[in-house]
C-alpha cells in the first residue's frame, strides 16, 4: 500500500477547512489543490513535526513551489483565484466528518500509479491539473501554462532526486 507524504497529509487537513468554508459536504479535487497551495502559509507552524519530517515536508513543498515559479505562476494569486472559482456547496456533512468525493478519491488512486513508496504533493498536483474539469487546470491554461510540459517537469524533477 502506498503511503501519503507529510505534505499530502497537511494539504488534506487544509482541504477540510476549505471545504467547510465553501459549505461543501465533501472534499473535492480543487479543495485538495487549495490545500497544496496553502502549505506555504503553515510552514512556520510545524513545531509538532520531527526534524526529519519537517525537512522532508519543506523539501517536497519547495520543489513544487519553485517549479511553479519557473512557470511564472504566482502561488498566492493562483490560490486566491481558485478559491473564488470553487462554487459554494449545499451544506456540510451531517456527521461533521469530511469525506472525499468519488472524484477526489480517484485522484489519490491515479496519483499512486506514479508513486513508489508514497504519494507526494507533486503527484497530486500533477494528477489534478490533468483533469479537464478542474478549476486548477482552467486557471493554469488561462495563464498560458503548458500543462503537459509542467506535468512532465514535475514528475521528472521528483524522480531525478529520489
Protein backbone atom coordinates (compact mmCIF):
# COMPACT_ATOMS: atom_id res chain seq x y z
CA UNK A 1 0.00 0.00 0.00
CA UNK A 2 1.29 3.43 -0.94
CA UNK A 3 1.66 5.90 1.92
CA UNK A 4 0.98 9.65 1.87
CA UNK A 5 3.79 12.15 2.38
CA UNK A 6 3.70 14.74 5.17
CA UNK A 7 2.82 17.39 2.56
CA UNK A 8 -0.16 15.37 1.31
CA UNK A 9 -1.44 14.80 4.83
CA UNK A 10 -1.16 18.51 5.66
CA UNK A 11 -2.79 19.55 2.36
CA UNK A 12 -5.61 17.09 3.10
CA UNK A 13 -6.16 18.68 6.52
CA UNK A 14 -6.25 22.16 5.00
CA UNK A 15 -8.67 20.96 2.32
CA UNK A 16 -11.16 20.05 5.08
CA UNK A 17 -11.19 23.69 6.19
CA UNK A 18 -11.53 24.85 2.59
CA UNK A 19 -14.49 22.51 2.04
CA UNK A 20 -16.10 23.73 5.26
CA UNK A 21 -15.62 27.37 4.24
CA UNK A 22 -17.37 26.61 0.95
CA UNK A 23 -20.25 24.85 2.73
CA UNK A 24 -19.40 21.66 0.86
CA UNK A 25 -20.45 18.22 2.02
CA UNK A 26 -17.33 16.59 0.51
CA UNK A 27 -13.71 17.38 -0.16
CA UNK A 28 -13.41 17.98 -3.89
CA UNK A 29 -10.28 17.93 -6.05
CA UNK A 30 -9.89 21.69 -6.07
CA UNK A 31 -10.16 21.77 -2.26
CA UNK A 32 -7.11 19.48 -2.26
CA UNK A 33 -5.38 21.89 -4.63
CA UNK A 34 -6.16 24.77 -2.25
CA UNK A 35 -4.57 22.70 0.50
CA UNK A 36 -1.44 22.23 -1.62
CA UNK A 37 -1.31 25.93 -2.48
CA UNK A 38 -1.76 26.88 1.19
CA UNK A 39 1.16 24.85 2.52
CA UNK A 40 3.41 27.90 2.47
CA UNK A 41 1.12 29.67 4.92
CA UNK A 42 1.53 26.95 7.56
CA UNK A 43 5.26 26.32 7.15
CA UNK A 44 6.12 28.35 10.22
CA UNK A 45 3.64 26.45 12.46
CA UNK A 46 5.06 22.98 12.15
CA UNK A 47 6.78 22.62 15.52
CA UNK A 48 4.99 19.29 16.18
CA UNK A 49 6.83 17.58 13.32
CA UNK A 50 10.08 15.75 13.89
CA UNK A 51 13.13 17.36 12.35
CA UNK A 52 13.25 14.65 9.69
CA UNK A 53 9.55 15.08 8.81
CA UNK A 54 9.91 18.85 8.75
CA UNK A 55 12.90 18.65 6.40
CA UNK A 56 11.08 16.23 4.13
CA UNK A 57 7.98 18.44 4.07
CA UNK A 58 9.97 21.61 3.28
CA UNK A 59 11.92 19.82 0.54
CA UNK A 60 8.73 18.49 -1.05
CA UNK A 61 6.91 21.85 -0.86
CA UNK A 62 9.88 23.89 -2.06
CA UNK A 63 10.41 21.56 -5.03
CA UNK A 64 6.82 22.05 -6.21
CA UNK A 65 6.66 25.76 -5.48
CA UNK A 66 9.97 26.51 -7.20
CA UNK A 67 8.77 24.68 -10.31
CA UNK A 68 5.57 26.76 -10.32
CA UNK A 69 7.65 29.94 -10.03
CA UNK A 70 9.70 28.74 -13.04
CA UNK A 71 6.42 28.66 -14.95
CA UNK A 72 5.64 32.18 -13.71
CA UNK A 73 2.73 31.03 -11.57
CA UNK A 74 2.13 33.36 -8.64
CA UNK A 75 1.08 30.87 -5.98
CA UNK A 76 -0.81 33.41 -3.86
CA UNK A 77 -2.79 34.72 -6.83
CA UNK A 78 -3.42 31.19 -8.08
CA UNK A 79 -4.79 30.20 -4.66
CA UNK A 80 -7.00 33.30 -4.40
CA UNK A 81 -8.40 32.91 -7.92
CA UNK A 82 -9.06 29.21 -7.36
CA UNK A 83 -10.88 29.92 -4.10
CA UNK A 84 -13.15 32.37 -5.93
CA UNK A 85 -13.95 29.88 -8.70
CA UNK A 86 -14.95 27.00 -6.46
CA UNK A 87 -18.72 27.16 -6.01
CA UNK A 88 -20.44 27.02 -2.65
CA UNK A 89 -21.92 23.66 -1.72
CA UNK A 90 -25.34 22.68 -0.45
CA UNK A 91 -24.43 22.06 3.15
CA UNK A 92 -21.97 20.49 5.50
CA UNK A 93 -21.91 16.74 6.08
CA UNK A 94 -24.46 15.57 8.61
CA UNK A 95 -21.88 13.56 10.54
CA UNK A 96 -19.50 16.58 10.68
CA UNK A 97 -16.79 14.44 9.06
CA UNK A 98 -15.50 15.50 5.67
CA UNK A 99 -15.09 12.64 3.25
CA UNK A 100 -13.51 12.86 -0.17
CA UNK A 101 -15.82 12.89 -3.16
CA UNK A 102 -15.57 9.96 -5.57
CA UNK A 103 -13.59 12.14 -7.98
CA UNK A 104 -11.24 13.13 -5.18
CA UNK A 105 -10.72 9.50 -4.18
CA UNK A 106 -9.90 8.78 -7.80
CA UNK A 107 -7.09 11.36 -7.88
CA UNK A 108 -5.45 9.60 -4.95
CA UNK A 109 -5.72 6.28 -6.80
CA UNK A 110 -4.41 7.83 -10.01
CA UNK A 111 -1.55 9.52 -8.16
CA UNK A 112 -0.47 6.22 -6.70
CA UNK A 113 0.46 4.96 -10.18
CA UNK A 114 3.36 7.46 -10.17
CA UNK A 115 4.41 6.70 -6.62
CA UNK A 116 6.90 4.11 -5.49
CA UNK A 117 6.79 4.45 -1.69
CA UNK A 118 4.44 7.34 -1.08
CA UNK A 119 2.18 9.85 -2.80
CA UNK A 120 3.66 13.34 -2.77
CA UNK A 121 2.10 16.74 -3.36
CA UNK A 122 3.80 16.66 -6.79
CA UNK A 123 1.84 13.51 -7.63
CA UNK A 124 -1.47 15.04 -6.53
CA UNK A 125 -0.78 18.37 -8.21
CA UNK A 126 0.12 16.64 -11.47
CA UNK A 127 -2.98 14.46 -11.36
CA UNK A 128 -5.33 17.37 -10.57
CA UNK A 129 -4.08 19.60 -13.39
CA UNK A 130 -4.60 16.68 -15.77
CA UNK A 131 -8.34 16.61 -15.06
CA UNK A 132 -10.23 18.56 -17.71
CA UNK A 133 -12.97 19.73 -15.33
CA UNK A 134 -10.66 21.03 -12.60
CA UNK A 135 -10.69 24.76 -11.96
CA UNK A 136 -6.97 24.50 -11.28
CA UNK A 137 -6.32 23.33 -14.82
CA UNK A 138 -8.54 26.05 -16.25
CA UNK A 139 -6.67 28.75 -14.32
CA UNK A 140 -3.29 27.48 -15.48
CA UNK A 141 -4.48 27.32 -19.08
CA UNK A 142 -5.78 30.90 -18.79
CA UNK A 143 -2.25 31.86 -17.71
CA UNK A 144 -0.90 30.16 -20.85
CA UNK A 145 0.89 27.44 -18.87
CA UNK A 146 1.80 24.39 -20.93
CA UNK A 147 0.07 21.79 -18.73
CA UNK A 148 1.70 18.72 -20.29
CA UNK A 149 5.19 20.21 -20.03
CA UNK A 150 4.58 21.24 -16.41
CA UNK A 151 3.34 17.74 -15.56
CA UNK A 152 6.40 16.15 -17.18
CA UNK A 153 8.78 18.58 -15.47
CA UNK A 154 7.20 17.97 -12.07
CA UNK A 155 7.32 14.21 -12.34
CA UNK A 156 10.84 14.25 -13.76
CA UNK A 157 12.10 16.57 -11.02
CA UNK A 158 10.60 14.28 -8.42
CA UNK A 159 12.25 11.13 -9.77
CA UNK A 160 15.52 12.83 -10.64
CA UNK A 161 16.33 13.42 -6.97
CA UNK A 162 14.67 10.34 -5.43
